[in-house]
Structure formats: C-alpha cells, structure tokens
Amino acid sequence: MKKKADKEKDLDALREALAKNPHVFMTGYEKLTVAQDFDLRKMVRAAGAKYRVVKNNLIEKASEGTPAADLVKDLRGMTSMAYTAGDPVALAKALSTYAKTNPSFTFKAGMVEGRVVDIKTIQEIASMPSREGLLAKLLFLIQAPGQRLVTAINAVGRDLAVVIDQGIKENKFSDESEVR
C-alpha cells in the first residue's frame, strides 16, 4: 500500500501532466497482455507522447481546475491516458492503428487543444495528414506559382531553340547569317 506522501506525489504529477498537455486521450485497456501493453507504449513513445494507467478517482481529483475536468468525469472501468504537447494527429493515428489490431483497446474520450472531443472526432483527427504532411503541401502551394512562372519564361527560349534546330535540320537556313 502506498504512503500518503507517495499518493500526493502521484496526484501532483498527474495534475501537472494534465495542465501542461493540451492533447489527452482517455482509453480503456481491458484484457491487454503484457506484450500488447509493451507494443502500445512503444507506439505512443514513437508518436512523441506519453502513456500511463490511471485510477478514475485519482484523475478526477487531479483534473480539478484544469481544462480536462470535463474530460474525466464519469469514467468507468480500467482507464489509461495518452497525452502530448506535440502533434495530436500523430498520437491519434498511433492509438487508432493500435485499436484496429487490438479490439480490447478502446477510446473513452479525448481532449484536443484544450477542448473535449467525442470518439467520432478522434477518428476524424486520426485520418488527417500529419503536421509534416500539411507543411509539405503548404510549401508546395507556395512554390507552385513561382515554378510555373519560371517554366513559362524558360519555354520561350526553349521553343525558339527548337524552331531554329528544326529549321537547320530541314535546311531552311542555308548559312548562319540568316539565323541572326
């Protein structure tokens, strides 16, 4: 049995995690084996997030006064949480991928950017492209007009060179003085 001082440390650590991380996903992990739990933790770490098993009453106490207070009320059963201050899409993708292969792992609720979201919204977030993918698309859109302009400018010189080359091949220009 834990001492009261250890319980207070756990409560403070949980309160700090909820306050510092705007992206939290509450999950159910019933009937997971140790190997499955290890794989889950590995996937969550790869997504740049943290994962921990929590007691429902402890998380309710820790969430008081934080944006997660609405998220954790009325939790039932075995509960765990995955949280990050980074990319919520990467975490949602990792958890959704894991949930597809392990049906005993379920979503209970989520919080993204400090707002509570339902399970359907979590699935929509998981289907979004990652932050890096969105930045790549944005960079492409920014560069595209410049690339088109350079291509159009180069096309004039290229087309002129092709016409001159075809004229020379067909002997339409008898000597170089006619080209100039």
C-alpha atoms as a PDB file:
ATOM      1  CA  MET A   1       0.000   0.000   0.000  1.00  0.00           C
ATOM      2  CA  LYS A   2       1.301   3.439  -0.898  1.00  0.00           C
ATOM      3  CA  LYS A   3       2.077   6.030   1.699  1.00  0.00           C
ATOM      4  CA  LYS A   4       0.144   9.272   1.730  1.00  0.00           C
ATOM      5  CA  ALA A   5       3.228  11.241   0.591  1.00  0.00           C
ATOM      6  CA  ASP A   6       3.631   8.943  -2.433  1.00  0.00           C
ATOM      7  CA  LYS A   7      -0.038   9.347  -3.316  1.00  0.00           C
ATOM      8  CA  GLU A   8       0.334  13.142  -3.135  1.00  0.00           C
ATOM      9  CA  LYS A   9       3.347  12.941  -5.480  1.00  0.00           C
ATOM     10  CA  ASP A  10       1.320  10.864  -7.934  1.00  0.00           C
ATOM     11  CA  LEU A  11      -1.556  13.335  -7.745  1.00  0.00           C
ATOM     12  CA  ASP A  12       0.760  16.307  -8.333  1.00  0.00           C
ATOM     13  CA  ALA A  13       2.477  14.572 -11.258  1.00  0.00           C
ATOM     14  CA  LEU A  14      -0.889  13.771 -12.833  1.00  0.00           C
ATOM     15  CA  ARG A  15      -2.160  17.324 -12.265  1.00  0.00           C
ATOM     16  CA  GLU A  16       0.996  18.709 -13.902  1.00  0.00           C
ATOM     17  CA  ALA A  17       0.634  16.350 -16.893  1.00  0.00           C
ATOM     18  CA  LEU A  18      -2.979  17.433 -17.429  1.00  0.00           C
ATOM     19  CA  ALA A  19      -2.115  21.122 -17.100  1.00  0.00           C
ATOM     20  CA  LYS A  20       0.885  21.035 -19.468  1.00  0.00           C
ATOM     21  CA  ASN A  21      -0.552  18.824 -22.213  1.00  0.00           C
ATOM     22  CA  PRO A  22      -3.472  20.154 -24.269  1.00  0.00           C
ATOM     23  CA  HIS A  23      -3.934  16.836 -26.098  1.00  0.00           C
ATOM     24  CA  VAL A  24      -5.190  13.947 -23.950  1.00  0.00           C
ATOM     25  CA  PHE A  25      -6.896  10.712 -24.980  1.00  0.00           C
ATOM     26  CA  MET A  26      -8.616   8.576 -22.343  1.00  0.00           C
ATOM     27  CA  THR A  27      -8.698   4.899 -23.246  1.00  0.00           C
ATOM     28  CA  GLY A  28      -9.803   1.541 -21.934  1.00  0.00           C
ATOM     29  CA  TYR A  29      -7.237  -1.234 -21.900  1.00  0.00           C
ATOM     30  CA  GLU A  30      -9.073  -4.256 -20.532  1.00  0.00           C
ATOM     31  CA  LYS A  31      -7.720  -7.721 -21.384  1.00  0.00           C
ATOM     32  CA  LEU A  32      -4.391  -6.495 -22.807  1.00  0.00           C
ATOM     33  CA  THR A  33      -1.459  -8.804 -22.308  1.00  0.00           C
ATOM     34  CA  VAL A  34       1.913  -7.552 -21.126  1.00  0.00           C
ATOM     35  CA  ALA A  35       3.308  -7.891 -24.666  1.00  0.00           C
ATOM     36  CA  GLN A  36       0.393  -5.919 -26.122  1.00  0.00           C
ATOM     37  CA  ASP A  37       0.843  -3.217 -23.485  1.00  0.00           C
ATOM     38  CA  PHE A  38       4.552  -3.027 -24.314  1.00  0.00           C
ATOM     39  CA  ASP A  39       3.751  -2.588 -28.025  1.00  0.00           C
ATOM     40  CA  LEU A  40       1.203   0.109 -27.203  1.00  0.00           C
ATOM     41  CA  ARG A  41       3.664   2.057 -25.078  1.00  0.00           C
ATOM     42  CA  LYS A  42       6.272   1.757 -27.821  1.00  0.00           C
ATOM     43  CA  MET A  43       3.852   3.159 -30.432  1.00  0.00           C
ATOM     44  CA  VAL A  44       2.858   6.033 -28.157  1.00  0.00           C
ATOM     45  CA  ARG A  45       6.515   6.929 -27.484  1.00  0.00           C
ATOM     46  CA  ALA A  46       7.208   6.838 -31.236  1.00  0.00           C
ATOM     47  CA  ALA A  47       4.402   9.389 -31.690  1.00  0.00           C
ATOM     48  CA  GLY A  48       6.140  11.708 -29.223  1.00  0.00           C
ATOM     49  CA  ALA A  49       3.639  11.158 -26.435  1.00  0.00           C
ATOM     50  CA  LYS A  50       3.384   9.546 -23.018  1.00  0.00           C
ATOM     51  CA  TYR A  51       1.083   6.824 -21.739  1.00  0.00           C
ATOM     52  CA  ARG A  52       0.051   5.879 -18.247  1.00  0.00           C
ATOM     53  CA  VAL A  53      -2.567   3.829 -16.453  1.00  0.00           C
ATOM     54  CA  VAL A  54      -4.630   5.916 -14.052  1.00  0.00           C
ATOM     55  CA  LYS A  55      -7.181   5.399 -11.331  1.00  0.00           C
ATOM     56  CA  ASN A  56     -10.507   7.041 -12.128  1.00  0.00           C
ATOM     57  CA  ASN A  57     -10.889   8.789  -8.758  1.00  0.00           C
ATOM     58  CA  LEU A  58      -7.266   9.973  -8.815  1.00  0.00           C
ATOM     59  CA  ILE A  59      -7.576  11.505 -12.276  1.00  0.00           C
ATOM     60  CA  GLU A  60     -10.822  13.219 -11.276  1.00  0.00           C
ATOM     61  CA  LYS A  61      -9.063  14.841  -8.317  1.00  0.00           C
ATOM     62  CA  ALA A  62      -6.052  15.789 -10.438  1.00  0.00           C
ATOM     63  CA  SER A  63      -8.196  17.352 -13.157  1.00  0.00           C
ATOM     64  CA  GLU A  64      -9.959  19.814 -10.862  1.00  0.00           C
ATOM     65  CA  GLY A  65      -9.219  23.313 -12.081  1.00  0.00           C
ATOM     66  CA  THR A  66      -7.798  22.177 -15.442  1.00  0.00           C
ATOM     67  CA  PRO A  67      -9.404  22.062 -18.893  1.00  0.00           C
ATOM     68  CA  ALA A  68      -9.512  18.262 -18.529  1.00  0.00           C
ATOM     69  CA  ALA A  69     -12.128  18.378 -15.746  1.00  0.00           C
ATOM     70  CA  ASP A  70     -14.987  17.743 -18.201  1.00  0.00           C
ATOM     71  CA  LEU A  71     -12.964  15.034 -19.922  1.00  0.00           C
ATOM     72  CA  VAL A  72     -12.517  12.755 -16.933  1.00  0.00           C
ATOM     73  CA  LYS A  73     -15.865  12.979 -15.167  1.00  0.00           C
ATOM     74  CA  ASP A  74     -17.905   9.779 -15.032  1.00  0.00           C
ATOM     75  CA  LEU A  75     -15.092   7.455 -16.135  1.00  0.00           C
ATOM     76  CA  ARG A  76     -15.778   3.764 -15.509  1.00  0.00           C
ATOM     77  CA  GLY A  77     -13.664   0.636 -15.761  1.00  0.00           C
ATOM     78  CA  MET A  78      -9.947   0.327 -16.349  1.00  0.00           C
ATOM     79  CA  THR A  79      -8.636   3.633 -17.670  1.00  0.00           C
ATOM     80  CA  SER A  80      -5.401   4.779 -19.198  1.00  0.00           C
ATOM     81  CA  MET A  81      -4.397   8.044 -20.780  1.00  0.00           C
ATOM     82  CA  ALA A  82      -2.105   9.036 -23.607  1.00  0.00           C
ATOM     83  CA  TYR A  83      -1.055  12.673 -23.696  1.00  0.00           C
ATOM     84  CA  THR A  84       1.215  15.028 -25.597  1.00  0.00           C
ATOM     85  CA  ALA A  85       2.004  18.680 -26.003  1.00  0.00           C
ATOM     86  CA  GLY A  86       3.095  17.971 -29.586  1.00  0.00           C
ATOM     87  CA  ASP A  87       1.174  16.726 -32.603  1.00  0.00           C
ATOM     88  CA  PRO A  88      -2.250  15.322 -31.638  1.00  0.00           C
ATOM     89  CA  VAL A  89      -2.713  13.803 -35.101  1.00  0.00           C
ATOM     90  CA  ALA A  90       0.328  11.540 -34.717  1.00  0.00           C
ATOM     91  CA  LEU A  91      -0.903  10.332 -31.327  1.00  0.00           C
ATOM     92  CA  ALA A  92      -4.466   9.777 -32.572  1.00  0.00           C
ATOM     93  CA  LYS A  93      -3.109   7.822 -35.559  1.00  0.00           C
ATOM     94  CA  ALA A  94      -0.935   5.641 -33.352  1.00  0.00           C
ATOM     95  CA  LEU A  95      -3.786   4.887 -30.944  1.00  0.00           C
ATOM     96  CA  SER A  96      -6.290   4.237 -33.769  1.00  0.00           C
ATOM     97  CA  THR A  97      -3.869   1.929 -35.527  1.00  0.00           C
ATOM     98  CA  TYR A  98      -3.354   0.015 -32.312  1.00  0.00           C
ATOM     99  CA  ALA A  99      -7.101  -0.132 -31.622  1.00  0.00           C
ATOM    100  CA  LYS A 100      -7.728  -1.695 -35.049  1.00  0.00           C
ATOM    101  CA  THR A 101      -5.389  -4.591 -34.315  1.00  0.00           C
ATOM    102  CA  ASN A 102      -6.461  -4.943 -30.649  1.00  0.00           C
ATOM    103  CA  PRO A 103     -10.238  -4.656 -30.253  1.00  0.00           C
ATOM    104  CA  SER A 104      -9.987  -4.792 -26.459  1.00  0.00           C
ATOM    105  CA  PHE A 105      -8.313  -1.342 -26.558  1.00  0.00           C
ATOM    106  CA  THR A 106     -10.999   1.347 -26.786  1.00  0.00           C
ATOM    107  CA  PHE A 107     -11.339   5.112 -26.721  1.00  0.00           C
ATOM    108  CA  LYS A 108     -13.355   6.657 -23.905  1.00  0.00           C
ATOM    109  CA  ALA A 109     -12.883  10.376 -24.567  1.00  0.00           C
ATOM    110  CA  GLY A 110     -10.371  12.893 -25.806  1.00  0.00           C
ATOM    111  CA  MET A 111      -9.212  16.460 -25.483  1.00  0.00           C
ATOM    112  CA  VAL A 112      -7.555  18.337 -28.346  1.00  0.00           C
ATOM    113  CA  GLU A 113      -6.302  21.910 -27.990  1.00  0.00           C
ATOM    114  CA  GLY A 114      -7.951  22.037 -24.568  1.00  0.00           C
ATOM    115  CA  ARG A 115     -11.423  21.137 -25.916  1.00  0.00           C
ATOM    116  CA  VAL A 116     -13.180  17.880 -25.146  1.00  0.00           C
ATOM    117  CA  VAL A 117     -13.950  15.828 -28.272  1.00  0.00           C
ATOM    118  CA  ASP A 118     -16.007  12.685 -28.805  1.00  0.00           C
ATOM    119  CA  ILE A 119     -14.847   9.351 -30.196  1.00  0.00           C
ATOM    120  CA  LYS A 120     -16.014  10.161 -33.742  1.00  0.00           C
ATOM    121  CA  THR A 121     -13.896  13.316 -33.743  1.00  0.00           C
ATOM    122  CA  ILE A 122     -10.892  11.326 -32.543  1.00  0.00           C
ATOM    123  CA  GLN A 123     -11.282   9.031 -35.570  1.00  0.00           C
ATOM    124  CA  GLU A 124     -11.508  12.078 -37.857  1.00  0.00           C
ATOM    125  CA  ILE A 125      -8.344  13.516 -36.333  1.00  0.00           C
ATOM    126  CA  ALA A 126      -6.587  10.193 -36.882  1.00  0.00           C
ATOM    127  CA  SER A 127      -7.495  10.293 -40.588  1.00  0.00           C
ATOM    128  CA  MET A 128      -5.943  13.744 -41.079  1.00  0.00           C
ATOM    129  CA  PRO A 129      -2.490  14.106 -42.604  1.00  0.00           C
ATOM    130  CA  SER A 130       0.325  14.658 -40.136  1.00  0.00           C
ATOM    131  CA  ARG A 131       1.750  18.077 -39.349  1.00  0.00           C
ATOM    132  CA  GLU A 132       4.742  17.397 -41.591  1.00  0.00           C
ATOM    133  CA  GLY A 133       2.424  16.337 -44.428  1.00  0.00           C
ATOM    134  CA  LEU A 134       0.391  19.524 -44.115  1.00  0.00           C
ATOM    135  CA  LEU A 135       3.552  21.642 -44.088  1.00  0.00           C
ATOM    136  CA  ALA A 136       4.806  19.863 -47.226  1.00  0.00           C
ATOM    137  CA  LYS A 137       1.512  20.550 -49.018  1.00  0.00           C
ATOM    138  CA  LEU A 138       1.614  24.192 -47.928  1.00  0.00           C
ATOM    139  CA  LEU A 139       5.188  24.574 -49.147  1.00  0.00           C
ATOM    140  CA  PHE A 140       4.209  23.052 -52.496  1.00  0.00           C
ATOM    141  CA  LEU A 141       1.331  25.504 -52.848  1.00  0.00           C
ATOM    142  CA  ILE A 142       3.607  28.420 -52.019  1.00  0.00           C
ATOM    143  CA  GLN A 143       6.259  27.305 -54.519  1.00  0.00           C
ATOM    144  CA  ALA A 144       3.890  26.326 -57.361  1.00  0.00           C
ATOM    145  CA  PRO A 145       3.258  29.853 -58.795  1.00  0.00           C
ATOM    146  CA  GLY A 146       6.984  30.580 -58.863  1.00  0.00           C
ATOM    147  CA  GLN A 147       7.716  27.286 -60.597  1.00  0.00           C
ATOM    148  CA  ARG A 148       5.039  27.973 -63.215  1.00  0.00           C
ATOM    149  CA  LEU A 149       6.455  31.441 -63.877  1.00  0.00           C
ATOM    150  CA  VAL A 150       9.983  30.119 -64.342  1.00  0.00           C
ATOM    151  CA  THR A 151       8.677  27.351 -66.622  1.00  0.00           C
ATOM    152  CA  ALA A 152       6.779  29.881 -68.767  1.00  0.00           C
ATOM    153  CA  ILE A 153       9.807  32.178 -69.050  1.00  0.00           C
ATOM    154  CA  ASN A 154      12.080  29.276 -69.984  1.00  0.00           C
ATOM    155  CA  ALA A 155       9.525  27.985 -72.501  1.00  0.00           C
ATOM    156  CA  VAL A 156      10.033  31.000 -74.793  1.00  0.00           C
ATOM    157  CA  GLY A 157      13.768  30.393 -75.154  1.00  0.00           C
ATOM    158  CA  ARG A 158      13.318  26.636 -75.379  1.00  0.00           C
ATOM    159  CA  ASP A 159      10.652  26.977 -78.100  1.00  0.00           C
ATOM    160  CA  LEU A 160      12.858  29.369 -80.088  1.00  0.00           C
ATOM    161  CA  ALA A 161      15.767  26.932 -79.866  1.00  0.00           C
ATOM    162  CA  VAL A 162      13.543  24.071 -81.075  1.00  0.00           C
ATOM    163  CA  VAL A 163      12.306  26.108 -84.059  1.00  0.00           C
ATOM    164  CA  ILE A 164      15.864  27.069 -85.042  1.00  0.00           C
ATOM    165  CA  ASP A 165      17.052  23.475 -84.609  1.00  0.00           C
ATOM    166  CA  GLN A 166      14.220  22.170 -86.822  1.00  0.00           C
ATOM    167  CA  GLY A 167      14.988  24.837 -89.433  1.00  0.00           C
ATOM    168  CA  ILE A 168      18.620  23.816 -89.541  1.00  0.00           C
ATOM    169  CA  LYS A 169      17.702  20.126 -89.802  1.00  0.00           C
ATOM    170  CA  GLU A 170      15.322  20.840 -92.696  1.00  0.00           C
ATOM    171  CA  ASN A 171      17.949  23.089 -94.350  1.00  0.00           C
ATOM    172  CA  LYS A 172      15.658  26.119 -94.299  1.00  0.00           C
ATOM    173  CA  PHE A 173      18.611  28.195 -93.197  1.00  0.00           C
ATOM    174  CA  SER A 174      21.421  27.971 -95.677  1.00  0.00           C
ATOM    175  CA  ASP A 175      24.026  29.752 -93.622  1.00  0.00           C
ATOM    176  CA  GLU A 176      24.308  31.134 -90.103  1.00  0.00           C
ATOM    177  CA  SER A 177      23.801  34.754 -91.200  1.00  0.00           C
ATOM    178  CA  GLU A 178      20.134  34.106 -91.823  1.00  0.00           C
ATOM    179  CA  VAL A 179      19.680  32.836 -88.275  1.00  0.00           C
ATOM    180  CA  ARG A 180      20.847  36.064 -86.674  1.00  0.00           C
END
